[in-house]
Amino acid sequence: MVQRINYECLPSAAGPYVHATKHNDTLYVSGLTAFGTPDQKANLIEQSKAVLAQLGAILEQEKRSRSDLIKLTVFVRDISKLPHIREILSDFYQGYLPACSLVEVSHLFDSDLHIEIEATIALQA
C-alpha cells in the first residue's frame, strides 16, 4: 500500500501532487523548491540551502538521519555554479554520501527558481 504525505513544515504543494509517498520501507520525496518561501527570489546558493533545510525537516519528521538518504536528483538552471552546489551538498550530507544525479535544465516551473531536489530515503536501517 502507498501512503501519500504532505508535511505541515513545508510550503503547500504547488500542483496536483503530495510532498512524498511511502511504499514499504522507502520514502520518495517530490521535487523540493524554494517556491512559496522567503527564498523564492533568492540566488541559487540561498535557494539550495533553503531546499536542503526542507529535506532536513522531512528527515526529522520521519525520525531519519542523513545516513538514510539513498539518492538525490538535483535539477539546476546554471551548472556553472557546480563547485558551490557541491560544497553545500557535501556540508548537508555530513559524510553520508548518497547516490546523486545533477542535471542542468533550461527552466523550472517558475522563473524565480534556480534549483529543485528530489530524494529517496530509507525508512528502515
PDB file of N, CA and C in Angstrom:
ATOM      1  N   MET A   1       0.832  -1.179   0.000  1.00  0.00           N
ATOM      2  CA  MET A   1       0.000   0.000   0.000  1.00  0.00           C
ATOM      3  C   MET A   1       0.882   1.250   0.000  1.00  0.00           C
ATOM      4  N   VAL A   2       0.473   2.252  -0.734  1.00  0.00           N
ATOM      5  CA  VAL A   2       1.205   3.514  -0.820  1.00  0.00           C
ATOM      6  C   VAL A   2       0.536   4.532   0.096  1.00  0.00           C
ATOM      7  N   GLN A   3       1.354   5.186   0.911  1.00  0.00           N
ATOM      8  CA  GLN A   3       0.859   6.263   1.781  1.00  0.00           C
ATOM      9  C   GLN A   3       1.294   7.595   1.182  1.00  0.00           C
ATOM     10  N   ARG A   4       0.363   8.516   1.036  1.00  0.00           N
ATOM     11  CA  ARG A   4       0.647   9.841   0.476  1.00  0.00           C
ATOM     12  C   ARG A   4       0.726  10.851   1.611  1.00  0.00           C
ATOM     13  N   ILE A   5       1.783  11.689   1.576  1.00  0.00           N
ATOM     14  CA  ILE A   5       2.066  12.563   2.716  1.00  0.00           C
ATOM     15  C   ILE A   5       2.280  14.003   2.269  1.00  0.00           C
ATOM     16  N   ASN A   6       1.675  14.925   3.010  1.00  0.00           N
ATOM     17  CA  ASN A   6       2.010  16.343   2.927  1.00  0.00           C
ATOM     18  C   ASN A   6       2.509  16.756   4.305  1.00  0.00           C
ATOM     19  N   TYR A   7       3.615  17.457   4.349  1.00  0.00           N
ATOM     20  CA  TYR A   7       4.228  17.876   5.607  1.00  0.00           C
ATOM     21  C   TYR A   7       3.836  19.311   5.920  1.00  0.00           C
ATOM     22  N   GLU A   8       3.318  19.532   7.128  1.00  0.00           N
ATOM     23  CA  GLU A   8       2.922  20.879   7.540  1.00  0.00           C
ATOM     24  C   GLU A   8       4.111  21.827   7.616  1.00  0.00           C
ATOM     25  N   CYS A   9       5.308  21.292   7.814  1.00  0.00           N
ATOM     26  CA  CYS A   9       6.505  22.127   7.942  1.00  0.00           C
ATOM     27  C   CYS A   9       7.017  22.630   6.588  1.00  0.00           C
ATOM     28  N   LEU A  10       6.408  22.176   5.487  1.00  0.00           N
ATOM     29  CA  LEU A  10       6.827  22.590   4.141  1.00  0.00           C
ATOM     30  C   LEU A  10       5.784  23.499   3.518  1.00  0.00           C
ATOM     31  N   PRO A  11       6.190  24.298   2.523  1.00  0.00           N
ATOM     32  CA  PRO A  11       5.193  25.083   1.782  1.00  0.00           C
ATOM     33  C   PRO A  11       4.189  24.135   1.120  1.00  0.00           C
ATOM     34  N   SER A  12       2.988  24.606   0.899  1.00  0.00           N
ATOM     35  CA  SER A  12       1.975  23.787   0.227  1.00  0.00           C
ATOM     36  C   SER A  12       2.482  23.351  -1.140  1.00  0.00           C
ATOM     37  N   ALA A  13       2.091  22.162  -1.547  1.00  0.00           N
ATOM     38  CA  ALA A  13       2.453  21.671  -2.879  1.00  0.00           C
ATOM     39  C   ALA A  13       1.919  22.639  -3.928  1.00  0.00           C
ATOM     40  N   ALA A  14       2.731  22.905  -4.937  1.00  0.00           N
ATOM     41  CA  ALA A  14       2.395  23.904  -5.961  1.00  0.00           C
ATOM     42  C   ALA A  14       1.617  23.312  -7.130  1.00  0.00           C
ATOM     43  N   GLY A  15       1.162  22.101  -6.992  1.00  0.00           N
ATOM     44  CA  GLY A  15       0.437  21.452  -8.083  1.00  0.00           C
ATOM     45  C   GLY A  15      -0.297  20.229  -7.572  1.00  0.00           C
ATOM     46  N   PRO A  16      -0.769  19.398  -8.473  1.00  0.00           N
ATOM     47  CA  PRO A  16      -1.533  18.210  -8.087  1.00  0.00           C
ATOM     48  C   PRO A  16      -0.624  17.038  -7.702  1.00  0.00           C
ATOM     49  N   TYR A  17       0.037  17.169  -6.571  1.00  0.00           N
ATOM     50  CA  TYR A  17       0.924  16.120  -6.068  1.00  0.00           C
ATOM     51  C   TYR A  17       1.061  16.267  -4.560  1.00  0.00           C
ATOM     52  N   VAL A  18       1.678  15.288  -3.929  1.00  0.00           N
ATOM     53  CA  VAL A  18       1.966  15.336  -2.497  1.00  0.00           C
ATOM     54  C   VAL A  18       3.466  15.519  -2.304  1.00  0.00           C
ATOM     55  N   HIS A  19       3.858  15.912  -1.094  1.00  0.00           N
ATOM     56  CA  HIS A  19       5.282  16.104  -0.820  1.00  0.00           C
ATOM     57  C   HIS A  19       6.069  14.802  -0.944  1.00  0.00           C
ATOM     58  N   ALA A  20       5.440  13.697  -0.530  1.00  0.00           N
ATOM     59  CA  ALA A  20       6.158  12.419  -0.556  1.00  0.00           C
ATOM     60  C   ALA A  20       5.174  11.259  -0.564  1.00  0.00           C
ATOM     61  N   THR A  21       5.694  10.113  -0.983  1.00  0.00           N
ATOM     62  CA  THR A  21       4.934   8.867  -0.880  1.00  0.00           C
ATOM     63  C   THR A  21       5.810   7.823  -0.191  1.00  0.00           C
ATOM     64  N   LYS A  22       5.167   7.028   0.669  1.00  0.00           N
ATOM     65  CA  LYS A  22       5.849   5.916   1.333  1.00  0.00           C
ATOM     66  C   LYS A  22       5.358   4.625   0.707  1.00  0.00           C
ATOM     67  N   HIS A  23       6.317   3.768   0.389  1.00  0.00           N
ATOM     68  CA  HIS A  23       5.981   2.427  -0.092  1.00  0.00           C
ATOM     69  C   HIS A  23       6.959   1.466   0.553  1.00  0.00           C
ATOM     70  N   ASN A  24       6.410   0.489   1.278  1.00  0.00           N
ATOM     71  CA  ASN A  24       7.240  -0.433   2.040  1.00  0.00           C
ATOM     72  C   ASN A  24       8.169   0.365   2.944  1.00  0.00           C
ATOM     73  N   ASP A  25       9.453   0.198   2.817  1.00  0.00           N
ATOM     74  CA  ASP A  25      10.399   0.879   3.698  1.00  0.00           C
ATOM     75  C   ASP A  25      11.138   2.010   2.993  1.00  0.00           C
ATOM     76  N   THR A  26      10.485   2.630   2.013  1.00  0.00           N
ATOM     77  CA  THR A  26      11.130   3.689   1.239  1.00  0.00           C
ATOM     78  C   THR A  26      10.222   4.908   1.154  1.00  0.00           C
ATOM     79  N   LEU A  27      10.827   6.083   1.298  1.00  0.00           N
ATOM     80  CA  LEU A  27      10.119   7.351   1.147  1.00  0.00           C
ATOM     81  C   LEU A  27      10.627   8.022  -0.122  1.00  0.00           C
ATOM     82  N   TYR A  28       9.704   8.390  -0.995  1.00  0.00           N
ATOM     83  CA  TYR A  28      10.029   9.065  -2.248  1.00  0.00           C
ATOM     84  C   TYR A  28       9.568  10.515  -2.115  1.00  0.00           C
ATOM     85  N   VAL A  29      10.519  11.446  -2.121  1.00  0.00           N
ATOM     86  CA  VAL A  29      10.218  12.859  -1.909  1.00  0.00           C
ATOM     87  C   VAL A  29      10.109  13.568  -3.254  1.00  0.00           C
ATOM     88  N   SER A  30       8.982  14.263  -3.448  1.00  0.00           N
ATOM     89  CA  SER A  30       8.775  15.058  -4.668  1.00  0.00           C
ATOM     90  C   SER A  30       9.827  16.157  -4.755  1.00  0.00           C
ATOM     91  N   GLY A  31       9.945  16.755  -5.925  1.00  0.00           N
ATOM     92  CA  GLY A  31      10.892  17.846  -6.109  1.00  0.00           C
ATOM     93  C   GLY A  31      10.620  18.992  -5.144  1.00  0.00           C
ATOM     94  N   LEU A  32      11.620  19.314  -4.330  1.00  0.00           N
ATOM     95  CA  LEU A  32      11.522  20.419  -3.375  1.00  0.00           C
ATOM     96  C   LEU A  32      12.140  21.661  -3.998  1.00  0.00           C
ATOM     97  N   THR A  33      11.474  22.796  -3.833  1.00  0.00           N
ATOM     98  CA  THR A  33      11.980  24.074  -4.346  1.00  0.00           C
ATOM     99  C   THR A  33      11.775  25.149  -3.291  1.00  0.00           C
ATOM    100  N   ALA A  34      12.228  26.344  -3.600  1.00  0.00           N
ATOM    101  CA  ALA A  34      12.018  27.495  -2.718  1.00  0.00           C
ATOM    102  C   ALA A  34      10.697  28.202  -3.012  1.00  0.00           C
ATOM    103  N   PHE A  35       9.872  27.655  -3.890  1.00  0.00           N
ATOM    104  CA  PHE A  35       8.604  28.281  -4.251  1.00  0.00           C
ATOM    105  C   PHE A  35       7.724  28.414  -3.010  1.00  0.00           C
ATOM    106  N   GLY A  36       7.180  29.615  -2.819  1.00  0.00           N
ATOM    107  CA  GLY A  36       6.302  29.859  -1.681  1.00  0.00           C
ATOM    108  C   GLY A  36       7.026  30.076  -0.370  1.00  0.00           C
ATOM    109  N   THR A  37       8.351  30.270  -0.429  1.00  0.00           N
ATOM    110  CA  THR A  37       9.144  30.536   0.774  1.00  0.00           C
ATOM    111  C   THR A  37       9.763  31.924   0.661  1.00  0.00           C
ATOM    112  N   PRO A  38      10.320  32.447   1.753  1.00  0.00           N
ATOM    113  CA  PRO A  38      11.012  33.740   1.678  1.00  0.00           C
ATOM    114  C   PRO A  38      12.209  33.730   0.721  1.00  0.00           C
ATOM    115  N   ASP A  39      12.715  32.544   0.381  1.00  0.00           N
ATOM    116  CA  ASP A  39      13.876  32.432  -0.511  1.00  0.00           C
ATOM    117  C   ASP A  39      13.502  32.267  -1.976  1.00  0.00           C
ATOM    118  N   GLN A  40      12.239  32.400  -2.310  1.00  0.00           N
ATOM    119  CA  GLN A  40      11.800  32.180  -3.694  1.00  0.00           C
ATOM    120  C   GLN A  40      12.541  33.067  -4.687  1.00  0.00           C
ATOM    121  N   LYS A  41      12.839  34.292  -4.327  1.00  0.00           N
ATOM    122  CA  LYS A  41      13.522  35.203  -5.253  1.00  0.00           C
ATOM    123  C   LYS A  41      15.027  35.296  -4.984  1.00  0.00           C
ATOM    124  N   ALA A  42      15.526  34.431  -4.117  1.00  0.00           N
ATOM    125  CA  ALA A  42      16.950  34.437  -3.768  1.00  0.00           C
ATOM    126  C   ALA A  42      17.779  33.793  -4.883  1.00  0.00           C
ATOM    127  N   ASN A  43      19.101  33.852  -4.713  1.00  0.00           N
ATOM    128  CA  ASN A  43      20.003  33.260  -5.703  1.00  0.00           C
ATOM    129  C   ASN A  43      20.101  31.739  -5.516  1.00  0.00           C
ATOM    130  N   LEU A  44      20.825  31.099  -6.400  1.00  0.00           N
ATOM    131  CA  LEU A  44      20.958  29.645  -6.384  1.00  0.00           C
ATOM    132  C   LEU A  44      21.503  29.136  -5.053  1.00  0.00           C
ATOM    133  N   ILE A  45      22.500  29.811  -4.510  1.00  0.00           N
ATOM    134  CA  ILE A  45      23.125  29.356  -3.271  1.00  0.00           C
ATOM    135  C   ILE A  45      22.115  29.365  -2.131  1.00  0.00           C
ATOM    136  N   GLU A  46      21.403  30.479  -1.969  1.00  0.00           N
ATOM    137  CA  GLU A  46      20.416  30.593  -0.890  1.00  0.00           C
ATOM    138  C   GLU A  46      19.258  29.627  -1.095  1.00  0.00           C
ATOM    139  N   GLN A  47      18.812  29.473  -2.331  1.00  0.00           N
ATOM    140  CA  GLN A  47      17.739  28.512  -2.596  1.00  0.00           C
ATOM    141  C   GLN A  47      18.197  27.082  -2.302  1.00  0.00           C
ATOM    142  N   SER A  48      19.445  26.770  -2.623  1.00  0.00           N
ATOM    143  CA  SER A  48      19.975  25.432  -2.335  1.00  0.00           C
ATOM    144  C   SER A  48      19.901  25.141  -0.842  1.00  0.00           C
ATOM    145  N   LYS A  49      20.330  26.096  -0.045  1.00  0.00           N
ATOM    146  CA  LYS A  49      20.295  25.925   1.414  1.00  0.00           C
ATOM    147  C   LYS A  49      18.863  25.778   1.909  1.00  0.00           C
ATOM    148  N   ALA A  50      17.948  26.566   1.352  1.00  0.00           N
ATOM    149  CA  ALA A  50      16.541  26.511   1.767  1.00  0.00           C
ATOM    150  C   ALA A  50      15.920  25.160   1.424  1.00  0.00           C
ATOM    151  N   VAL A  51      16.214  24.658   0.235  1.00  0.00           N
ATOM    152  CA  VAL A  51      15.654  23.370  -0.186  1.00  0.00           C
ATOM    153  C   VAL A  51      16.225  22.237   0.669  1.00  0.00           C
ATOM    154  N   LEU A  52      17.508  22.283   0.953  1.00  0.00           N
ATOM    155  CA  LEU A  52      18.101  21.243   1.797  1.00  0.00           C
ATOM    156  C   LEU A  52      17.576  21.334   3.229  1.00  0.00           C
ATOM    157  N   ALA A  53      17.241  22.531   3.684  1.00  0.00           N
ATOM    158  CA  ALA A  53      16.604  22.673   5.002  1.00  0.00           C
ATOM    159  C   ALA A  53      15.240  21.980   5.000  1.00  0.00           C
ATOM    160  N   GLN A  54      14.516  22.076   3.894  1.00  0.00           N
ATOM    161  CA  GLN A  54      13.235  21.369   3.774  1.00  0.00           C
ATOM    162  C   GLN A  54      13.457  19.857   3.846  1.00  0.00           C
ATOM    163  N   LEU A  55      14.474  19.391   3.144  1.00  0.00           N
ATOM    164  CA  LEU A  55      14.782  17.963   3.171  1.00  0.00           C
ATOM    165  C   LEU A  55      15.175  17.533   4.585  1.00  0.00           C
ATOM    166  N   GLY A  56      15.938  18.368   5.260  1.00  0.00           N
ATOM    167  CA  GLY A  56      16.299  18.088   6.653  1.00  0.00           C
ATOM    168  C   GLY A  56      15.073  18.002   7.550  1.00  0.00           C
ATOM    169  N   ALA A  57      14.090  18.861   7.303  1.00  0.00           N
ATOM    170  CA  ALA A  57      12.847  18.839   8.083  1.00  0.00           C
ATOM    171  C   ALA A  57      12.081  17.537   7.847  1.00  0.00           C
ATOM    172  N   ILE A  58      12.093  17.056   6.608  1.00  0.00           N
ATOM    173  CA  ILE A  58      11.438  15.775   6.310  1.00  0.00           C
ATOM    174  C   ILE A  58      12.150  14.642   7.048  1.00  0.00           C
ATOM    175  N   LEU A  59      13.476  14.633   6.997  1.00  0.00           N
ATOM    176  CA  LEU A  59      14.231  13.606   7.718  1.00  0.00           C
ATOM    177  C   LEU A  59      13.871  13.625   9.202  1.00  0.00           C
ATOM    178  N   GLU A  60      13.784  14.808   9.766  1.00  0.00           N
ATOM    179  CA  GLU A  60      13.443  14.944  11.183  1.00  0.00           C
ATOM    180  C   GLU A  60      12.022  14.428  11.457  1.00  0.00           C
ATOM    181  N   GLN A  61      11.065  14.825  10.618  1.00  0.00           N
ATOM    182  CA  GLN A  61       9.673  14.360  10.774  1.00  0.00           C
ATOM    183  C   GLN A  61       9.605  12.841  10.752  1.00  0.00           C
ATOM    184  N   GLU A  62      10.394  12.244   9.880  1.00  0.00           N
ATOM    185  CA  GLU A  62      10.370  10.787   9.702  1.00  0.00           C
ATOM    186  C   GLU A  62      11.313  10.063  10.658  1.00  0.00           C
ATOM    187  N   LYS A  63      11.947  10.836  11.552  1.00  0.00           N
ATOM    188  CA  LYS A  63      12.904  10.271  12.511  1.00  0.00           C
ATOM    189  C   LYS A  63      14.019   9.494  11.801  1.00  0.00           C
ATOM    190  N   ARG A  64      14.520  10.083  10.747  1.00  0.00           N
ATOM    191  CA  ARG A  64      15.611   9.513   9.962  1.00  0.00           C
ATOM    192  C   ARG A  64      16.785  10.482  10.002  1.00  0.00           C
ATOM    193  N   SER A  65      17.929  10.026   9.534  1.00  0.00           N
ATOM    194  CA  SER A  65      19.118  10.882   9.502  1.00  0.00           C
ATOM    195  C   SER A  65      19.674  10.936   8.083  1.00  0.00           C
ATOM    196  N   ARG A  66      20.705  11.718   7.904  1.00  0.00           N
ATOM    197  CA  ARG A  66      21.315  11.843   6.582  1.00  0.00           C
ATOM    198  C   ARG A  66      21.883  10.512   6.093  1.00  0.00           C
ATOM    199  N   SER A  67      22.213   9.640   7.018  1.00  0.00           N
ATOM    200  CA  SER A  67      22.722   8.321   6.617  1.00  0.00           C
ATOM    201  C   SER A  67      21.643   7.475   5.935  1.00  0.00           C
ATOM    202  N   ASP A  68      20.387   7.896   6.032  1.00  0.00           N
ATOM    203  CA  ASP A  68      19.286   7.172   5.399  1.00  0.00           C
ATOM    204  C   ASP A  68      18.969   7.669   3.993  1.00  0.00           C
ATOM    205  N   LEU A  69      19.672   8.697   3.536  1.00  0.00           N
ATOM    206  CA  LEU A  69      19.472   9.182   2.168  1.00  0.00           C
ATOM    207  C   LEU A  69      19.992   8.130   1.195  1.00  0.00           C
ATOM    208  N   ILE A  70      19.143   7.708   0.290  1.00  0.00           N
ATOM    209  CA  ILE A  70      19.544   6.725  -0.716  1.00  0.00           C
ATOM    210  C   ILE A  70      20.026   7.434  -1.974  1.00  0.00           C
ATOM    211  N   LYS A  71      19.223   8.379  -2.474  1.00  0.00           N
ATOM    212  CA  LYS A  71      19.559   9.053  -3.732  1.00  0.00           C
ATOM    213  C   LYS A  71      18.919  10.428  -3.780  1.00  0.00           C
ATOM    214  N   LEU A  72      19.656  11.374  -4.323  1.00  0.00           N
ATOM    215  CA  LEU A  72      19.129  12.699  -4.639  1.00  0.00           C
ATOM    216  C   LEU A  72      19.228  12.911  -6.138  1.00  0.00           C
ATOM    217  N   THR A  73      18.253  13.602  -6.680  1.00  0.00           N
ATOM    218  CA  THR A  73      18.329  14.098  -8.046  1.00  0.00           C
ATOM    219  C   THR A  73      18.195  15.605  -7.945  1.00  0.00           C
ATOM    220  N   VAL A  74      19.203  16.306  -8.449  1.00  0.00           N
ATOM    221  CA  VAL A  74      19.276  17.762  -8.332  1.00  0.00           C
ATOM    222  C   VAL A  74      19.160  18.370  -9.725  1.00  0.00           C
ATOM    223  N   PHE A  75      18.181  19.246  -9.885  1.00  0.00           N
ATOM    224  CA  PHE A  75      17.973  19.958 -11.145  1.00  0.00           C
ATOM    225  C   PHE A  75      18.366  21.409 -10.924  1.00  0.00           C
ATOM    226  N   VAL A  76      19.301  21.924 -11.734  1.00  0.00           N
ATOM    227  CA  VAL A  76      19.739  23.320 -11.617  1.00  0.00           C
ATOM    228  C   VAL A  76      19.659  24.004 -12.975  1.00  0.00           C
ATOM    229  N   ARG A  77      19.469  25.313 -12.925  1.00  0.00           N
ATOM    230  CA  ARG A  77      19.399  26.072 -14.173  1.00  0.00           C
ATOM    231  C   ARG A  77      20.762  26.611 -14.598  1.00  0.00           C
ATOM    232  N   ASP A  78      21.752  26.573 -13.707  1.00  0.00           N
ATOM    233  CA  ASP A  78      23.069  27.123 -14.046  1.00  0.00           C
ATOM    234  C   ASP A  78      24.164  26.211 -13.507  1.00  0.00           C
ATOM    235  N   ILE A  79      24.659  25.332 -14.350  1.00  0.00           N
ATOM    236  CA  ILE A  79      25.671  24.357 -13.951  1.00  0.00           C
ATOM    237  C   ILE A  79      27.016  25.014 -13.639  1.00  0.00           C
ATOM    238  N   SER A  80      27.203  26.266 -14.045  1.00  0.00           N
ATOM    239  CA  SER A  80      28.474  26.947 -13.766  1.00  0.00           C
ATOM    240  C   SER A  80      28.699  27.144 -12.266  1.00  0.00           C
ATOM    241  N   LYS A  81      27.662  27.023 -11.479  1.00  0.00           N
ATOM    242  CA  LYS A  81      27.770  27.159 -10.015  1.00  0.00           C
ATOM    243  C   LYS A  81      28.031  25.804  -9.348  1.00  0.00           C
ATOM    244  N   LEU A  82      28.398  24.810 -10.128  1.00  0.00           N
ATOM    245  CA  LEU A  82      28.590  23.457  -9.624  1.00  0.00           C
ATOM    246  C   LEU A  82      29.504  23.379  -8.396  1.00  0.00           C
ATOM    247  N   PRO A  83      30.657  24.056  -8.370  1.00  0.00           N
ATOM    248  CA  PRO A  83      31.500  23.960  -7.173  1.00  0.00           C
ATOM    249  C   PRO A  83      30.771  24.401  -5.898  1.00  0.00           C
ATOM    250  N   HIS A  84      29.955  25.446  -5.991  1.00  0.00           N
ATOM    251  CA  HIS A  84      29.200  25.922  -4.827  1.00  0.00           C
ATOM    252  C   HIS A  84      28.127  24.913  -4.430  1.00  0.00           C
ATOM    253  N   ILE A  85      27.457  24.349  -5.420  1.00  0.00           N
ATOM    254  CA  ILE A  85      26.412  23.358  -5.149  1.00  0.00           C
ATOM    255  C   ILE A  85      27.025  22.138  -4.469  1.00  0.00           C
ATOM    256  N   ARG A  86      28.157  21.680  -4.973  1.00  0.00           N
ATOM    257  CA  ARG A  86      28.819  20.511  -4.379  1.00  0.00           C
ATOM    258  C   ARG A  86      29.214  20.769  -2.931  1.00  0.00           C
ATOM    259  N   GLU A  87      29.696  21.965  -2.657  1.00  0.00           N
ATOM    260  CA  GLU A  87      30.090  22.314  -1.290  1.00  0.00           C
ATOM    261  C   GLU A  87      28.876  22.295  -0.352  1.00  0.00           C
ATOM    262  N   ILE A  88      27.773  22.876  -0.793  1.00  0.00           N
ATOM    263  CA  ILE A  88      26.553  22.914   0.023  1.00  0.00           C
ATOM    264  C   ILE A  88      26.023  21.496   0.246  1.00  0.00           C
ATOM    265  N   LEU A  89      26.008  20.685  -0.811  1.00  0.00           N
ATOM    266  CA  LEU A  89      25.558  19.299  -0.680  1.00  0.00           C
ATOM    267  C   LEU A  89      26.463  18.522   0.270  1.00  0.00           C
ATOM    268  N   SER A  90      27.756  18.685   0.116  1.00  0.00           N
ATOM    269  CA  SER A  90      28.711  17.975   0.962  1.00  0.00           C
ATOM    270  C   SER A  90      28.494  18.318   2.434  1.00  0.00           C
ATOM    271  N   ASP A  91      28.290  19.589   2.734  1.00  0.00           N
ATOM    272  CA  ASP A  91      28.014  20.008   4.115  1.00  0.00           C
ATOM    273  C   ASP A  91      26.727  19.360   4.620  1.00  0.00           C
ATOM    274  N   PHE A  92      25.709  19.322   3.782  1.00  0.00           N
ATOM    275  CA  PHE A  92      24.423  18.749   4.175  1.00  0.00           C
ATOM    276  C   PHE A  92      24.544  17.252   4.461  1.00  0.00           C
ATOM    277  N   TYR A  93      25.292  16.526   3.655  1.00  0.00           N
ATOM    278  CA  TYR A  93      25.410  15.075   3.801  1.00  0.00           C
ATOM    279  C   TYR A  93      26.072  14.653   5.110  1.00  0.00           C
ATOM    280  N   GLN A  94      26.900  15.487   5.690  1.00  0.00           N
ATOM    281  CA  GLN A  94      27.610  15.180   6.940  1.00  0.00           C
ATOM    282  C   GLN A  94      28.394  13.867   6.840  1.00  0.00           C
ATOM    283  N   GLY A  95      28.983  13.641   5.663  1.00  0.00           N
ATOM    284  CA  GLY A  95      29.809  12.457   5.469  1.00  0.00           C
ATOM    285  C   GLY A  95      29.073  11.229   4.957  1.00  0.00           C
ATOM    286  N   TYR A  96      27.743  11.273   4.913  1.00  0.00           N
ATOM    287  CA  TYR A  96      26.944  10.135   4.437  1.00  0.00           C
ATOM    288  C   TYR A  96      26.549  10.375   2.986  1.00  0.00           C
ATOM    289  N   LEU A  97      27.430  10.019   2.068  1.00  0.00           N
ATOM    290  CA  LEU A  97      27.200  10.318   0.660  1.00  0.00           C
ATOM    291  C   LEU A  97      26.178   9.375   0.042  1.00  0.00           C
ATOM    292  N   PRO A  98      25.090   9.924  -0.510  1.00  0.00           N
ATOM    293  CA  PRO A  98      24.112   9.096  -1.216  1.00  0.00           C
ATOM    294  C   PRO A  98      24.483   9.002  -2.691  1.00  0.00           C
ATOM    295  N   ALA A  99      23.754   8.185  -3.423  1.00  0.00           N
ATOM    296  CA  ALA A  99      23.830   8.270  -4.880  1.00  0.00           C
ATOM    297  C   ALA A  99      23.230   9.626  -5.253  1.00  0.00           C
ATOM    298  N   CYS A 100      23.699  10.220  -6.343  1.00  0.00           N
ATOM    299  CA  CYS A 100      23.205  11.555  -6.698  1.00  0.00           C
ATOM    300  C   CYS A 100      23.364  11.792  -8.197  1.00  0.00           C
ATOM    301  N   SER A 101      22.347  12.405  -8.767  1.00  0.00           N
ATOM    302  CA  SER A 101      22.417  12.865 -10.156  1.00  0.00           C
ATOM    303  C   SER A 101      22.212  14.365 -10.138  1.00  0.00           C
ATOM    304  N   LEU A 102      22.986  15.084 -10.941  1.00  0.00           N
ATOM    305  CA  LEU A 102      22.830  16.526 -11.060  1.00  0.00           C
ATOM    306  C   LEU A 102      22.605  16.835 -12.530  1.00  0.00           C
ATOM    307  N   VAL A 103      21.483  17.494 -12.806  1.00  0.00           N
ATOM    308  CA  VAL A 103      21.067  17.738 -14.182  1.00  0.00           C
ATOM    309  C   VAL A 103      20.842  19.227 -14.394  1.00  0.00           C
ATOM    310  N   GLU A 104      21.447  19.779 -15.450  1.00  0.00           N
ATOM    311  CA  GLU A 104      21.160  21.173 -15.805  1.00  0.00           C
ATOM    312  C   GLU A 104      19.910  21.189 -16.684  1.00  0.00           C
ATOM    313  N   VAL A 105      18.989  22.092 -16.339  1.00  0.00           N
ATOM    314  CA  VAL A 105      17.743  22.247 -17.101  1.00  0.00           C
ATOM    315  C   VAL A 105      17.612  23.699 -17.537  1.00  0.00           C
ATOM    316  N   SER A 106      16.870  23.935 -18.600  1.00  0.00           N
ATOM    317  CA  SER A 106      16.706  25.311 -19.077  1.00  0.00           C
ATOM    318  C   SER A 106      15.679  26.078 -18.259  1.00  0.00           C
ATOM    319  N   HIS A 107      14.694  25.381 -17.704  1.00  0.00           N
ATOM    320  CA  HIS A 107      13.639  26.035 -16.927  1.00  0.00           C
ATOM    321  C   HIS A 107      13.152  25.108 -15.831  1.00  0.00           C
ATOM    322  N   LEU A 108      12.650  25.722 -14.747  1.00  0.00           N
ATOM    323  CA  LEU A 108      11.853  25.010 -13.759  1.00  0.00           C
ATOM    324  C   LEU A 108      10.452  25.597 -13.855  1.00  0.00           C
ATOM    325  N   PHE A 109       9.511  25.149 -13.048  1.00  0.00           N
ATOM    326  CA  PHE A 109       8.117  25.555 -13.264  1.00  0.00           C
ATOM    327  C   PHE A 109       7.830  27.022 -12.972  1.00  0.00           C
ATOM    328  N   ASP A 110       8.738  27.720 -12.283  1.00  0.00           N
ATOM    329  CA  ASP A 110       8.585  29.154 -12.030  1.00  0.00           C
ATOM    330  C   ASP A 110       9.924  29.824 -12.332  1.00  0.00           C
ATOM    331  N   SER A 111       9.880  30.980 -12.954  1.00  0.00           N
ATOM    332  CA  SER A 111      11.122  31.643 -13.390  1.00  0.00           C
ATOM    333  C   SER A 111      11.996  32.105 -12.227  1.00  0.00           C
ATOM    334  N   ASP A 112      11.458  32.206 -11.014  1.00  0.00           N
ATOM    335  CA  ASP A 112      12.266  32.582  -9.846  1.00  0.00           C
ATOM    336  C   ASP A 112      13.164  31.446  -9.376  1.00  0.00           C
ATOM    337  N   LEU A 113      12.829  30.232  -9.745  1.00  0.00           N
ATOM    338  CA  LEU A 113      13.502  29.068  -9.177  1.00  0.00           C
ATOM    339  C   LEU A 113      14.791  28.730  -9.913  1.00  0.00           C
ATOM    340  N   HIS A 114      15.811  28.376  -9.108  1.00  0.00           N
ATOM    341  CA  HIS A 114      17.123  28.009  -9.642  1.00  0.00           C
ATOM    342  C   HIS A 114      17.456  26.537  -9.426  1.00  0.00           C
ATOM    343  N   ILE A 115      16.762  25.894  -8.476  1.00  0.00           N
ATOM    344  CA  ILE A 115      17.107  24.518  -8.112  1.00  0.00           C
ATOM    345  C   ILE A 115      15.864  23.758  -7.652  1.00  0.00           C
ATOM    346  N   GLU A 116      15.852  22.465  -7.932  1.00  0.00           N
ATOM    347  CA  GLU A 116      14.815  21.557  -7.439  1.00  0.00           C
ATOM    348  C   GLU A 116      15.507  20.248  -7.078  1.00  0.00           C
ATOM    349  N   ILE A 117      15.143  19.684  -5.933  1.00  0.00           N
ATOM    350  CA  ILE A 117      15.793  18.461  -5.461  1.00  0.00           C
ATOM    351  C   ILE A 117      14.744  17.410  -5.111  1.00  0.00           C
ATOM    352  N   GLU A 118      14.899  16.226  -5.695  1.00  0.00           N
ATOM    353  CA  GLU A 118      14.095  15.049  -5.348  1.00  0.00           C
ATOM    354  C   GLU A 118      14.965  14.144  -4.478  1.00  0.00           C
ATOM    355  N   ALA A 119      14.329  13.353  -3.620  1.00  0.00           N
ATOM    356  CA  ALA A 119      15.107  12.465  -2.755  1.00  0.00           C
ATOM    357  C   ALA A 119      14.397  11.135  -2.558  1.00  0.00           C
ATOM    358  N   THR A 120      15.200  10.113  -2.315  1.00  0.00           N
ATOM    359  CA  THR A 120      14.715   8.801  -1.916  1.00  0.00           C
ATOM    360  C   THR A 120      15.387   8.476  -0.586  1.00  0.00           C
ATOM    361  N   ILE A 121      14.566   8.075   0.396  1.00  0.00           N
ATOM    362  CA  ILE A 121      15.055   7.888   1.761  1.00  0.00           C
ATOM    363  C   ILE A 121      14.666   6.499   2.266  1.00  0.00           C
ATOM    364  N   ALA A 122      15.625   5.805   2.888  1.00  0.00           N
ATOM    365  CA  ALA A 122      15.348   4.514   3.517  1.00  0.00           C
ATOM    366  C   ALA A 122      14.667   4.756   4.860  1.00  0.00           C
ATOM    367  N   LEU A 123      13.584   4.032   5.111  1.00  0.00           N
ATOM    368  CA  LEU A 123      12.857   4.196   6.369  1.00  0.00           C
ATOM    369  C   LEU A 123      13.184   3.110   7.385  1.00  0.00           C
ATOM    370  N   GLN A 124      13.953   2.113   6.985  1.00  0.00           N
ATOM    371  CA  GLN A 124      14.421   1.062   7.886  1.00  0.00           C
ATOM    372  C   GLN A 124      15.927   0.941   7.732  1.00  0.00           C
ATOM    373  N   ALA A 125      16.595   0.693   8.850  1.00  0.00           N
ATOM    374  CA  ALA A 125      18.059   0.561   8.813  1.00  0.00           C
ATOM    375  C   ALA A 125      18.474  -0.730   8.153  1.00  0.00           C
TER     376      ALA A 125
END
